[in-house]
Amino acid sequence: MISISDRLADLGRRLSPILDVPDNDELENVLIAAGWEPSTRRNGHRTFQLDGMLAGTRAHHGGAEIIVDIRDFGDPQDVEREEYANGDHDTVSAQLYEEARALADSVAGELALDPAGPFDLDPLEGWHFDPHLFRAGHWVVAVADVQQDSDLPLIVEAHFAWGADLPGRLTGLVPPPARPPSIDWAAITRPLPADYRWLVDTYGPGPLGGYLDLIAPDQLPASEPGPLLAPDRLTMATTSDGATVSWLMQSTRPWETDPDEEVNSWSVMLSRPGYEREHDCGLLRFLVLALTGKHEPAVTG
């Protein structure tokens, strides 16, 4: 039987040529071509099986995923204690988690894929604080033991999510200037997301891709309070059709204590009179999606 890691690496190789967010049918065709057996479609979705593993797909305008359940360890609270040498509940639970983590570590250790980069998506963020992250083209492969709640099963999963090497995708779409303006970042005192800094260093402030007009870091306005209990906003760009692009200045990583890291989880708001839409991503991902036509078209108020 082909190993788990070989199966996952095969999926990575099949996904890597897909540059932009695919639709759900395309994701399902990748699984079928790799030998996964589909179930009967129900409510528009179906699962796939191969070598005891289950897989499902999820695709939308802002992203796409194949989620593979490698092994279901069950609910630790329901495990028969007699199966373990020590029947103490805490010992049984700890051993089960250790076994799941060991399987995740073993699978990840055998994956012959490049490590993920600094701007690559972490599809397991919030579910697992330390997944193994790899890159297959513009896809992130995340492997970890996952339990979304204490009374839910503990599962070793692999997530294949579009959102890797976004700098490479953007520079392929919009070649940067040979000599972008130099920015004196030492003079910028406020924390700013790393992808914005990369965009300014690579392209300079101003027009980018015929769509975005980046505000220079020393010309960013003061933040504005959001409505009611919403987070403050900081406008960092305008678009060619007259919208503004702002950060929602609220970290989605409550475990972060470093302000320079917290800002990297700010999401993006696209606004124009009579229309607002939050994009659950950073500026770099938002821009790539916009230039490839993978987010909703602009709506005028």
C-alpha atoms as a PDB file:
ATOM      1  CA  MET A   1       0.000   0.000   0.000  1.00  0.00           C
ATOM      2  CA  ILE A   2       1.238   3.474  -0.875  1.00  0.00           C
ATOM      3  CA  SER A   3       2.146   5.488   2.233  1.00  0.00           C
ATOM      4  CA  ILE A   4       0.068   8.359   3.578  1.00  0.00           C
ATOM      5  CA  SER A   5       2.831  10.847   2.891  1.00  0.00           C
ATOM      6  CA  ASP A   6       3.113   9.644  -0.719  1.00  0.00           C
ATOM      7  CA  ARG A   7      -0.644  10.095  -1.184  1.00  0.00           C
ATOM      8  CA  LEU A   8      -0.480  13.616   0.214  1.00  0.00           C
ATOM      9  CA  ALA A   9       2.577  14.507  -1.837  1.00  0.00           C
ATOM     10  CA  ASP A  10       0.763  13.264  -4.943  1.00  0.00           C
ATOM     11  CA  LEU A  11      -2.145  15.621  -4.207  1.00  0.00           C
ATOM     12  CA  GLY A  12       0.335  18.461  -3.741  1.00  0.00           C
ATOM     13  CA  ARG A  13       1.933  17.740  -7.118  1.00  0.00           C
ATOM     14  CA  ARG A  14      -1.477  17.686  -8.814  1.00  0.00           C
ATOM     15  CA  LEU A  15      -2.527  20.971  -7.215  1.00  0.00           C
ATOM     16  CA  SER A  16       0.725  22.846  -7.748  1.00  0.00           C
ATOM     17  CA  PRO A  17       0.089  23.740 -11.437  1.00  0.00           C
ATOM     18  CA  ILE A  18      -3.208  25.448 -10.456  1.00  0.00           C
ATOM     19  CA  LEU A  19      -2.200  29.114 -10.169  1.00  0.00           C
ATOM     20  CA  ASP A  20      -5.462  30.672  -9.016  1.00  0.00           C
ATOM     21  CA  VAL A  21      -8.490  29.749  -6.918  1.00  0.00           C
ATOM     22  CA  PRO A  22     -10.325  26.871  -8.674  1.00  0.00           C
ATOM     23  CA  ASP A  23     -14.006  26.018  -8.461  1.00  0.00           C
ATOM     24  CA  ASN A  24     -15.271  23.025  -6.532  1.00  0.00           C
ATOM     25  CA  ASP A  25     -15.601  20.785  -9.601  1.00  0.00           C
ATOM     26  CA  GLU A  26     -11.934  21.334 -10.413  1.00  0.00           C
ATOM     27  CA  LEU A  27     -10.929  20.350  -6.884  1.00  0.00           C
ATOM     28  CA  GLU A  28     -13.058  17.215  -7.047  1.00  0.00           C
ATOM     29  CA  ASN A  29     -11.509  16.291 -10.404  1.00  0.00           C
ATOM     30  CA  VAL A  30      -8.051  16.507  -8.808  1.00  0.00           C
ATOM     31  CA  LEU A  31      -9.096  13.951  -6.180  1.00  0.00           C
ATOM     32  CA  ILE A  32     -10.710  11.645  -8.744  1.00  0.00           C
ATOM     33  CA  ALA A  33      -7.618  11.779 -10.981  1.00  0.00           C
ATOM     34  CA  ALA A  34      -5.522  10.820  -7.939  1.00  0.00           C
ATOM     35  CA  GLY A  35      -7.631   7.685  -7.403  1.00  0.00           C
ATOM     36  CA  TRP A  36      -9.951   8.859  -4.631  1.00  0.00           C
ATOM     37  CA  GLU A  37     -13.413   7.225  -4.760  1.00  0.00           C
ATOM     38  CA  PRO A  38     -16.308   9.715  -4.593  1.00  0.00           C
ATOM     39  CA  SER A  39     -19.483   9.149  -2.638  1.00  0.00           C
ATOM     40  CA  THR A  40     -22.958   9.963  -3.920  1.00  0.00           C
ATOM     41  CA  ARG A  41     -23.394  13.724  -4.055  1.00  0.00           C
ATOM     42  CA  ARG A  42     -25.630  15.025  -1.264  1.00  0.00           C
ATOM     43  CA  ASN A  43     -26.667  18.671  -0.804  1.00  0.00           C
ATOM     44  CA  GLY A  44     -24.196  19.649  -3.494  1.00  0.00           C
ATOM     45  CA  HIS A  45     -21.229  17.991  -1.751  1.00  0.00           C
ATOM     46  CA  ARG A  46     -19.616  14.593  -1.572  1.00  0.00           C
ATOM     47  CA  THR A  47     -16.767  12.924   0.237  1.00  0.00           C
ATOM     48  CA  PHE A  48     -13.894  10.899  -1.199  1.00  0.00           C
ATOM     49  CA  GLN A  49     -12.164   7.810   0.194  1.00  0.00           C
ATOM     50  CA  LEU A  50      -8.748   6.273  -0.364  1.00  0.00           C
ATOM     51  CA  ASP A  51      -6.754   3.837   1.793  1.00  0.00           C
ATOM     52  CA  GLY A  52      -8.959   4.489   4.820  1.00  0.00           C
ATOM     53  CA  MET A  53      -8.700   8.279   4.526  1.00  0.00           C
ATOM     54  CA  LEU A  54     -11.590  10.668   3.895  1.00  0.00           C
ATOM     55  CA  ALA A  55     -11.395  13.900   1.908  1.00  0.00           C
ATOM     56  CA  GLY A  56     -13.721  16.790   1.177  1.00  0.00           C
ATOM     57  CA  THR A  57     -13.493  19.986  -0.835  1.00  0.00           C
ATOM     58  CA  ARG A  58     -14.350  23.601  -0.161  1.00  0.00           C
ATOM     59  CA  ALA A  59     -14.026  26.340  -2.769  1.00  0.00           C
ATOM     60  CA  HIS A  60     -15.223  29.937  -2.840  1.00  0.00           C
ATOM     61  CA  HIS A  61     -14.223  33.222  -4.451  1.00  0.00           C
ATOM     62  CA  GLY A  62     -11.509  33.925  -1.888  1.00  0.00           C
ATOM     63  CA  GLY A  63     -10.000  30.492  -1.441  1.00  0.00           C
ATOM     64  CA  ALA A  64     -10.092  26.751  -1.980  1.00  0.00           C
ATOM     65  CA  GLU A  65      -9.276  23.727   0.167  1.00  0.00           C
ATOM     66  CA  ILE A  66      -9.046  19.977   0.101  1.00  0.00           C
ATOM     67  CA  ILE A  67      -9.300  18.607   3.631  1.00  0.00           C
ATOM     68  CA  VAL A  68      -8.055  15.085   4.267  1.00  0.00           C
ATOM     69  CA  ASP A  69      -8.924  13.209   7.461  1.00  0.00           C
ATOM     70  CA  ILE A  70      -5.941  10.900   7.854  1.00  0.00           C
ATOM     71  CA  ARG A  71      -7.069   9.155  11.011  1.00  0.00           C
ATOM     72  CA  ASP A  72      -9.917   9.679  13.472  1.00  0.00           C
ATOM     73  CA  PHE A  73      -8.803   8.910  17.028  1.00  0.00           C
ATOM     74  CA  GLY A  74     -12.299   9.427  18.421  1.00  0.00           C
ATOM     75  CA  ASP A  75     -13.337  11.496  21.410  1.00  0.00           C
ATOM     76  CA  PRO A  76     -10.648  11.122  24.102  1.00  0.00           C
ATOM     77  CA  GLN A  77     -13.377  11.106  26.758  1.00  0.00           C
ATOM     78  CA  ASP A  78     -14.949   7.998  25.234  1.00  0.00           C
ATOM     79  CA  VAL A  79     -11.843   5.854  24.831  1.00  0.00           C
ATOM     80  CA  GLU A  80     -11.980   2.488  26.572  1.00  0.00           C
ATOM     81  CA  ARG A  81      -9.426   2.823  29.346  1.00  0.00           C
ATOM     82  CA  GLU A  82      -8.746  -0.897  29.304  1.00  0.00           C
ATOM     83  CA  GLU A  83      -7.033  -0.432  25.939  1.00  0.00           C
ATOM     84  CA  TYR A  84      -4.163   1.348  27.692  1.00  0.00           C
ATOM     85  CA  ALA A  85      -1.739   0.156  30.314  1.00  0.00           C
ATOM     86  CA  ASN A  86      -2.863   2.829  32.780  1.00  0.00           C
ATOM     87  CA  GLY A  87      -6.593   3.396  33.129  1.00  0.00           C
ATOM     88  CA  ASP A  88      -6.321   6.844  34.708  1.00  0.00           C
ATOM     89  CA  HIS A  89      -8.440   9.277  32.646  1.00  0.00           C
ATOM     90  CA  ASP A  90      -5.796  11.988  32.404  1.00  0.00           C
ATOM     91  CA  THR A  91      -3.147   9.454  31.450  1.00  0.00           C
ATOM     92  CA  VAL A  92      -5.385   7.897  28.793  1.00  0.00           C
ATOM     93  CA  SER A  93      -6.233  11.281  27.277  1.00  0.00           C
ATOM     94  CA  ALA A  94      -2.603  12.411  27.291  1.00  0.00           C
ATOM     95  CA  GLN A  95      -1.498   9.197  25.619  1.00  0.00           C
ATOM     96  CA  LEU A  96      -4.126   9.545  22.902  1.00  0.00           C
ATOM     97  CA  TYR A  97      -3.030  13.096  22.127  1.00  0.00           C
ATOM     98  CA  GLU A  98       0.578  11.943  22.087  1.00  0.00           C
ATOM     99  CA  GLU A  99      -0.282   9.208  19.579  1.00  0.00           C
ATOM    100  CA  ALA A 100      -2.115  11.671  17.322  1.00  0.00           C
ATOM    101  CA  ARG A 101       0.730  14.156  17.463  1.00  0.00           C
ATOM    102  CA  ALA A 102       3.234  11.409  16.735  1.00  0.00           C
ATOM    103  CA  LEU A 103       1.293  10.372  13.633  1.00  0.00           C
ATOM    104  CA  ALA A 104       1.110  13.988  12.408  1.00  0.00           C
ATOM    105  CA  ASP A 105       4.849  14.419  13.025  1.00  0.00           C
ATOM    106  CA  SER A 106       5.627  11.177  11.222  1.00  0.00           C
ATOM    107  CA  VAL A 107       3.551  12.037   8.139  1.00  0.00           C
ATOM    108  CA  ALA A 108       5.001  15.540   7.997  1.00  0.00           C
ATOM    109  CA  GLY A 109       8.529  14.214   8.372  1.00  0.00           C
ATOM    110  CA  GLU A 110       8.114  12.073   5.267  1.00  0.00           C
ATOM    111  CA  LEU A 111       6.615  14.776   3.029  1.00  0.00           C
ATOM    112  CA  ALA A 112       9.138  15.806   0.407  1.00  0.00           C
ATOM    113  CA  LEU A 113       7.743  19.323  -0.004  1.00  0.00           C
ATOM    114  CA  ASP A 114       9.310  22.732   0.478  1.00  0.00           C
ATOM    115  CA  PRO A 115       8.487  24.599   3.719  1.00  0.00           C
ATOM    116  CA  ALA A 116       5.863  27.337   3.580  1.00  0.00           C
ATOM    117  CA  GLY A 117       6.985  30.954   3.257  1.00  0.00           C
ATOM    118  CA  PRO A 118       6.415  33.963   5.547  1.00  0.00           C
ATOM    119  CA  PHE A 119       3.288  35.229   3.715  1.00  0.00           C
ATOM    120  CA  ASP A 120       1.764  31.806   3.099  1.00  0.00           C
ATOM    121  CA  LEU A 121      -1.667  31.038   4.483  1.00  0.00           C
ATOM    122  CA  ASP A 122      -1.958  28.901   7.614  1.00  0.00           C
ATOM    123  CA  PRO A 123      -5.260  27.034   7.048  1.00  0.00           C
ATOM    124  CA  LEU A 124      -5.152  25.543  10.550  1.00  0.00           C
ATOM    125  CA  GLU A 125      -4.580  28.815  12.380  1.00  0.00           C
ATOM    126  CA  GLY A 126      -6.866  28.959  15.391  1.00  0.00           C
ATOM    127  CA  TRP A 127      -7.407  25.181  15.404  1.00  0.00           C
ATOM    128  CA  HIS A 128      -3.813  24.208  16.015  1.00  0.00           C
ATOM    129  CA  PHE A 129      -1.061  26.536  17.124  1.00  0.00           C
ATOM    130  CA  ASP A 130       1.834  24.665  15.566  1.00  0.00           C
ATOM    131  CA  PRO A 131       0.927  22.761  12.380  1.00  0.00           C
ATOM    132  CA  HIS A 132       3.524  21.516   9.933  1.00  0.00           C
ATOM    133  CA  LEU A 133       3.345  23.862   6.940  1.00  0.00           C
ATOM    134  CA  PHE A 134       4.597  23.063   3.446  1.00  0.00           C
ATOM    135  CA  ARG A 135       4.278  24.575  -0.015  1.00  0.00           C
ATOM    136  CA  ALA A 136       3.208  22.977  -3.302  1.00  0.00           C
ATOM    137  CA  GLY A 137       3.172  25.686  -5.957  1.00  0.00           C
ATOM    138  CA  HIS A 138       0.610  28.238  -4.800  1.00  0.00           C
ATOM    139  CA  TRP A 139      -0.878  25.772  -2.293  1.00  0.00           C
ATOM    140  CA  VAL A 140      -0.130  25.366   1.397  1.00  0.00           C
ATOM    141  CA  VAL A 141      -0.135  21.860   2.864  1.00  0.00           C
ATOM    142  CA  ALA A 142      -0.782  21.851   6.620  1.00  0.00           C
ATOM    143  CA  VAL A 143      -0.558  18.680   8.708  1.00  0.00           C
ATOM    144  CA  ALA A 144      -1.541  18.493  12.389  1.00  0.00           C
ATOM    145  CA  ASP A 145      -3.684  16.788  14.972  1.00  0.00           C
ATOM    146  CA  VAL A 146      -6.898  18.805  15.235  1.00  0.00           C
ATOM    147  CA  GLN A 147      -9.674  18.899  17.796  1.00  0.00           C
ATOM    148  CA  GLN A 148     -12.022  21.860  17.461  1.00  0.00           C
ATOM    149  CA  ASP A 149     -13.618  21.289  20.862  1.00  0.00           C
ATOM    150  CA  SER A 150     -12.973  19.103  23.890  1.00  0.00           C
ATOM    151  CA  ASP A 151     -16.046  16.951  23.202  1.00  0.00           C
ATOM    152  CA  LEU A 152     -15.277  16.411  19.495  1.00  0.00           C
ATOM    153  CA  PRO A 153     -13.090  13.739  17.905  1.00  0.00           C
ATOM    154  CA  LEU A 154      -9.333  14.144  17.713  1.00  0.00           C
ATOM    155  CA  ILE A 155      -8.330  13.845  14.047  1.00  0.00           C
ATOM    156  CA  VAL A 156      -5.012  14.008  12.239  1.00  0.00           C
ATOM    157  CA  GLU A 157      -5.719  16.136   9.181  1.00  0.00           C
ATOM    158  CA  ALA A 158      -3.989  17.498   6.103  1.00  0.00           C
ATOM    159  CA  HIS A 159      -5.303  20.740   4.597  1.00  0.00           C
ATOM    160  CA  PHE A 160      -4.448  21.777   1.052  1.00  0.00           C
ATOM    161  CA  ALA A 161      -5.306  25.465   0.741  1.00  0.00           C
ATOM    162  CA  TRP A 162      -4.692  27.979  -2.030  1.00  0.00           C
ATOM    163  CA  GLY A 163      -2.581  30.847  -0.712  1.00  0.00           C
ATOM    164  CA  ALA A 164       1.147  30.139  -1.029  1.00  0.00           C
ATOM    165  CA  ASP A 165       3.883  32.124  -2.779  1.00  0.00           C
ATOM    166  CA  LEU A 166       1.627  35.135  -3.280  1.00  0.00           C
ATOM    167  CA  PRO A 167       4.667  37.372  -3.909  1.00  0.00           C
ATOM    168  CA  GLY A 168       5.609  35.082  -6.785  1.00  0.00           C
ATOM    169  CA  ARG A 169       2.070  35.154  -8.177  1.00  0.00           C
ATOM    170  CA  LEU A 170       1.869  38.939  -7.949  1.00  0.00           C
ATOM    171  CA  THR A 171       5.252  39.588  -9.560  1.00  0.00           C
ATOM    172  CA  GLY A 172       4.186  37.233 -12.350  1.00  0.00           C
ATOM    173  CA  LEU A 173       1.040  39.283 -12.878  1.00  0.00           C
ATOM    174  CA  VAL A 174       2.675  42.686 -12.399  1.00  0.00           C
ATOM    175  CA  PRO A 175       6.450  42.850 -12.929  1.00  0.00           C
ATOM    176  CA  PRO A 176       7.955  45.231 -10.350  1.00  0.00           C
ATOM    177  CA  PRO A 177      10.059  48.219 -11.355  1.00  0.00           C
ATOM    178  CA  ALA A 178      13.792  47.669 -11.614  1.00  0.00           C
ATOM    179  CA  ARG A 179      14.492  50.360  -9.020  1.00  0.00           C
ATOM    180  CA  PRO A 180      11.546  51.038  -6.708  1.00  0.00           C
ATOM    181  CA  PRO A 181      11.807  54.067  -4.410  1.00  0.00           C
ATOM    182  CA  SER A 182      13.759  53.457  -1.215  1.00  0.00           C
ATOM    183  CA  ILE A 183      11.748  53.740   2.004  1.00  0.00           C
ATOM    184  CA  ASP A 184      13.265  54.890   5.293  1.00  0.00           C
ATOM    185  CA  TRP A 185      11.431  52.420   7.513  1.00  0.00           C
ATOM    186  CA  ALA A 186      13.396  53.582  10.558  1.00  0.00           C
ATOM    187  CA  ALA A 187      11.427  56.822  10.379  1.00  0.00           C
ATOM    188  CA  ILE A 188       8.064  54.961  10.434  1.00  0.00           C
ATOM    189  CA  THR A 189       7.077  54.505  14.054  1.00  0.00           C
ATOM    190  CA  ARG A 190       3.689  52.787  13.770  1.00  0.00           C
ATOM    191  CA  PRO A 191       3.511  48.983  13.330  1.00  0.00           C
ATOM    192  CA  LEU A 192       2.416  48.055   9.793  1.00  0.00           C
ATOM    193  CA  PRO A 193       1.683  44.638   8.258  1.00  0.00           C
ATOM    194  CA  ALA A 194       4.663  42.881   6.720  1.00  0.00           C
ATOM    195  CA  ASP A 195       2.915  42.296   3.376  1.00  0.00           C
ATOM    196  CA  TYR A 196       2.293  46.043   3.002  1.00  0.00           C
ATOM    197  CA  ARG A 197       5.974  46.681   3.713  1.00  0.00           C
ATOM    198  CA  TRP A 198       6.910  44.098   1.081  1.00  0.00           C
ATOM    199  CA  LEU A 199       4.561  45.688  -1.476  1.00  0.00           C
ATOM    200  CA  VAL A 200       6.005  49.151  -0.876  1.00  0.00           C
ATOM    201  CA  ASP A 201       9.596  47.879  -0.981  1.00  0.00           C
ATOM    202  CA  THR A 202       8.942  45.883  -4.163  1.00  0.00           C
ATOM    203  CA  TYR A 203       6.727  48.286  -6.131  1.00  0.00           C
ATOM    204  CA  GLY A 204       6.948  51.579  -4.283  1.00  0.00           C
ATOM    205  CA  PRO A 205       3.896  53.598  -3.232  1.00  0.00           C
ATOM    206  CA  GLY A 206       1.480  54.708  -5.942  1.00  0.00           C
ATOM    207  CA  PRO A 207      -0.301  52.792  -8.746  1.00  0.00           C
ATOM    208  CA  LEU A 208       0.002  49.015  -8.734  1.00  0.00           C
ATOM    209  CA  GLY A 209      -1.389  46.712 -11.402  1.00  0.00           C
ATOM    210  CA  GLY A 210      -3.814  49.277 -12.761  1.00  0.00           C
ATOM    211  CA  TYR A 211      -6.094  48.594  -9.808  1.00  0.00           C
ATOM    212  CA  LEU A 212      -4.581  49.752  -6.513  1.00  0.00           C
ATOM    213  CA  ASP A 213      -2.957  53.042  -5.551  1.00  0.00           C
ATOM    214  CA  LEU A 214      -0.836  52.452  -2.440  1.00  0.00           C
ATOM    215  CA  ILE A 215      -0.459  55.277   0.056  1.00  0.00           C
ATOM    216  CA  ALA A 216       3.149  55.838   1.110  1.00  0.00           C
ATOM    217  CA  PRO A 217       3.929  54.813   4.699  1.00  0.00           C
ATOM    218  CA  ASP A 218       4.821  58.379   5.732  1.00  0.00           C
ATOM    219  CA  GLN A 219       1.527  59.650   4.268  1.00  0.00           C
ATOM    220  CA  LEU A 220      -0.844  57.179   5.857  1.00  0.00           C
ATOM    221  CA  PRO A 221      -3.686  59.040   7.569  1.00  0.00           C
ATOM    222  CA  ALA A 222      -4.655  58.737  11.203  1.00  0.00           C
ATOM    223  CA  SER A 223      -6.832  55.757  11.996  1.00  0.00           C
ATOM    224  CA  GLU A 224     -10.591  56.287  12.179  1.00  0.00           C
ATOM    225  CA  PRO A 225     -12.979  54.715  14.694  1.00  0.00           C
ATOM    226  CA  GLY A 226     -15.248  52.031  13.292  1.00  0.00           C
ATOM    227  CA  PRO A 227     -19.035  52.112  13.730  1.00  0.00           C
ATOM    228  CA  LEU A 228     -20.404  50.999  17.103  1.00  0.00           C
ATOM    229  CA  LEU A 229     -18.061  48.333  18.533  1.00  0.00           C
ATOM    230  CA  ALA A 230     -16.274  47.663  15.243  1.00  0.00           C
ATOM    231  CA  PRO A 231     -12.471  47.969  15.155  1.00  0.00           C
ATOM    232  CA  ASP A 232     -10.688  51.139  14.081  1.00  0.00           C
ATOM    233  CA  ARG A 233      -9.793  51.529  10.412  1.00  0.00           C
ATOM    234  CA  LEU A 234      -6.664  52.675   8.677  1.00  0.00           C
ATOM    235  CA  THR A 235      -6.909  53.541   4.986  1.00  0.00           C
ATOM    236  CA  MET A 236      -3.841  52.411   3.031  1.00  0.00           C
ATOM    237  CA  ALA A 237      -4.970  52.490  -0.624  1.00  0.00           C
ATOM    238  CA  THR A 238      -7.612  53.519  -3.132  1.00  0.00           C
ATOM    239  CA  THR A 239      -8.792  51.621  -6.193  1.00  0.00           C
ATOM    240  CA  SER A 240      -9.113  52.644  -9.827  1.00  0.00           C
ATOM    241  CA  ASP A 241     -12.906  52.714  -9.513  1.00  0.00           C
ATOM    242  CA  GLY A 242     -12.940  55.062  -6.540  1.00  0.00           C
ATOM    243  CA  ALA A 243     -13.162  52.695  -3.570  1.00  0.00           C
ATOM    244  CA  THR A 244     -11.003  52.889  -0.477  1.00  0.00           C
ATOM    245  CA  VAL A 245      -9.108  49.953   0.974  1.00  0.00           C
ATOM    246  CA  SER A 246      -8.578  49.956   4.738  1.00  0.00           C
ATOM    247  CA  TRP A 247      -7.247  47.694   7.421  1.00  0.00           C
ATOM    248  CA  LEU A 248      -9.567  46.688  10.228  1.00  0.00           C
ATOM    249  CA  MET A 249      -7.159  47.248  13.100  1.00  0.00           C
ATOM    250  CA  GLN A 250      -8.062  44.212  15.166  1.00  0.00           C
ATOM    251  CA  SER A 251      -5.899  41.152  15.560  1.00  0.00           C
ATOM    252  CA  THR A 252      -7.475  37.785  14.871  1.00  0.00           C
ATOM    253  CA  ARG A 253      -4.658  36.147  16.835  1.00  0.00           C
ATOM    254  CA  PRO A 254      -5.471  36.638  20.537  1.00  0.00           C
ATOM    255  CA  TRP A 255      -2.405  34.602  21.496  1.00  0.00           C
ATOM    256  CA  GLU A 256      -0.056  37.166  19.935  1.00  0.00           C
ATOM    257  CA  THR A 257       1.561  39.652  22.323  1.00  0.00           C
ATOM    258  CA  ASP A 258       3.989  41.327  19.915  1.00  0.00           C
ATOM    259  CA  PRO A 259       2.386  44.393  18.223  1.00  0.00           C
ATOM    260  CA  ASP A 260       4.576  43.851  15.157  1.00  0.00           C
ATOM    261  CA  GLU A 261       3.058  40.366  14.773  1.00  0.00           C
ATOM    262  CA  GLU A 262      -0.531  41.297  15.667  1.00  0.00           C
ATOM    263  CA  VAL A 263      -0.807  43.696  12.736  1.00  0.00           C
ATOM    264  CA  ASN A 264      -0.112  40.858  10.296  1.00  0.00           C
ATOM    265  CA  SER A 265      -3.574  39.466  10.994  1.00  0.00           C
ATOM    266  CA  TRP A 266      -5.472  42.667  10.217  1.00  0.00           C
ATOM    267  CA  SER A 267      -8.164  42.031   7.608  1.00  0.00           C
ATOM    268  CA  VAL A 268      -9.069  44.296   4.687  1.00  0.00           C
ATOM    269  CA  MET A 269     -12.215  46.367   4.145  1.00  0.00           C
ATOM    270  CA  LEU A 270     -13.274  47.561   0.690  1.00  0.00           C
ATOM    271  CA  SER A 271     -15.560  50.605   0.927  1.00  0.00           C
ATOM    272  CA  ARG A 272     -17.461  52.964  -1.338  1.00  0.00           C
ATOM    273  CA  PRO A 273     -20.667  54.976  -0.791  1.00  0.00           C
ATOM    274  CA  GLY A 274     -23.455  52.536   0.011  1.00  0.00           C
ATOM    275  CA  TYR A 275     -21.209  49.471  -0.020  1.00  0.00           C
ATOM    276  CA  GLU A 276     -18.736  47.835   2.342  1.00  0.00           C
ATOM    277  CA  ARG A 277     -17.255  44.389   2.348  1.00  0.00           C
ATOM    278  CA  GLU A 278     -14.722  42.839   4.679  1.00  0.00           C
ATOM    279  CA  HIS A 279     -12.187  40.458   3.145  1.00  0.00           C
ATOM    280  CA  ASP A 280     -10.877  37.949   5.638  1.00  0.00           C
ATOM    281  CA  CYS A 281      -7.295  38.249   4.433  1.00  0.00           C
ATOM    282  CA  GLY A 282      -4.360  40.624   4.281  1.00  0.00           C
ATOM    283  CA  LEU A 283      -3.537  43.193   1.630  1.00  0.00           C
ATOM    284  CA  LEU A 284      -1.277  40.976  -0.510  1.00  0.00           C
ATOM    285  CA  ARG A 285      -3.865  38.197  -0.810  1.00  0.00           C
ATOM    286  CA  PHE A 286      -6.618  40.754  -1.456  1.00  0.00           C
ATOM    287  CA  LEU A 287      -4.600  42.275  -4.290  1.00  0.00           C
ATOM    288  CA  VAL A 288      -3.800  38.952  -5.958  1.00  0.00           C
ATOM    289  CA  LEU A 289      -7.465  37.934  -5.765  1.00  0.00           C
ATOM    290  CA  ALA A 290      -8.520  41.271  -7.229  1.00  0.00           C
ATOM    291  CA  LEU A 291      -6.073  41.108 -10.141  1.00  0.00           C
ATOM    292  CA  THR A 292      -7.073  37.529 -10.988  1.00  0.00           C
ATOM    293  CA  GLY A 293     -10.801  38.322 -10.736  1.00  0.00           C
ATOM    294  CA  LYS A 294     -11.303  35.955  -7.814  1.00  0.00           C
ATOM    295  CA  HIS A 295     -13.145  38.262  -5.447  1.00  0.00           C
ATOM    296  CA  GLU A 296     -16.627  39.636  -5.961  1.00  0.00           C
ATOM    297  CA  PRO A 297     -16.805  42.375  -8.602  1.00  0.00           C
ATOM    298  CA  ALA A 298     -16.951  45.946  -7.443  1.00  0.00           C
ATOM    299  CA  VAL A 299     -20.423  47.167  -6.519  1.00  0.00           C
ATOM    300  CA  THR A 300     -21.344  50.819  -6.899  1.00  0.00           C
ATOM    301  CA  GLY A 301     -23.722  52.378  -4.403  1.00  0.00           C
END
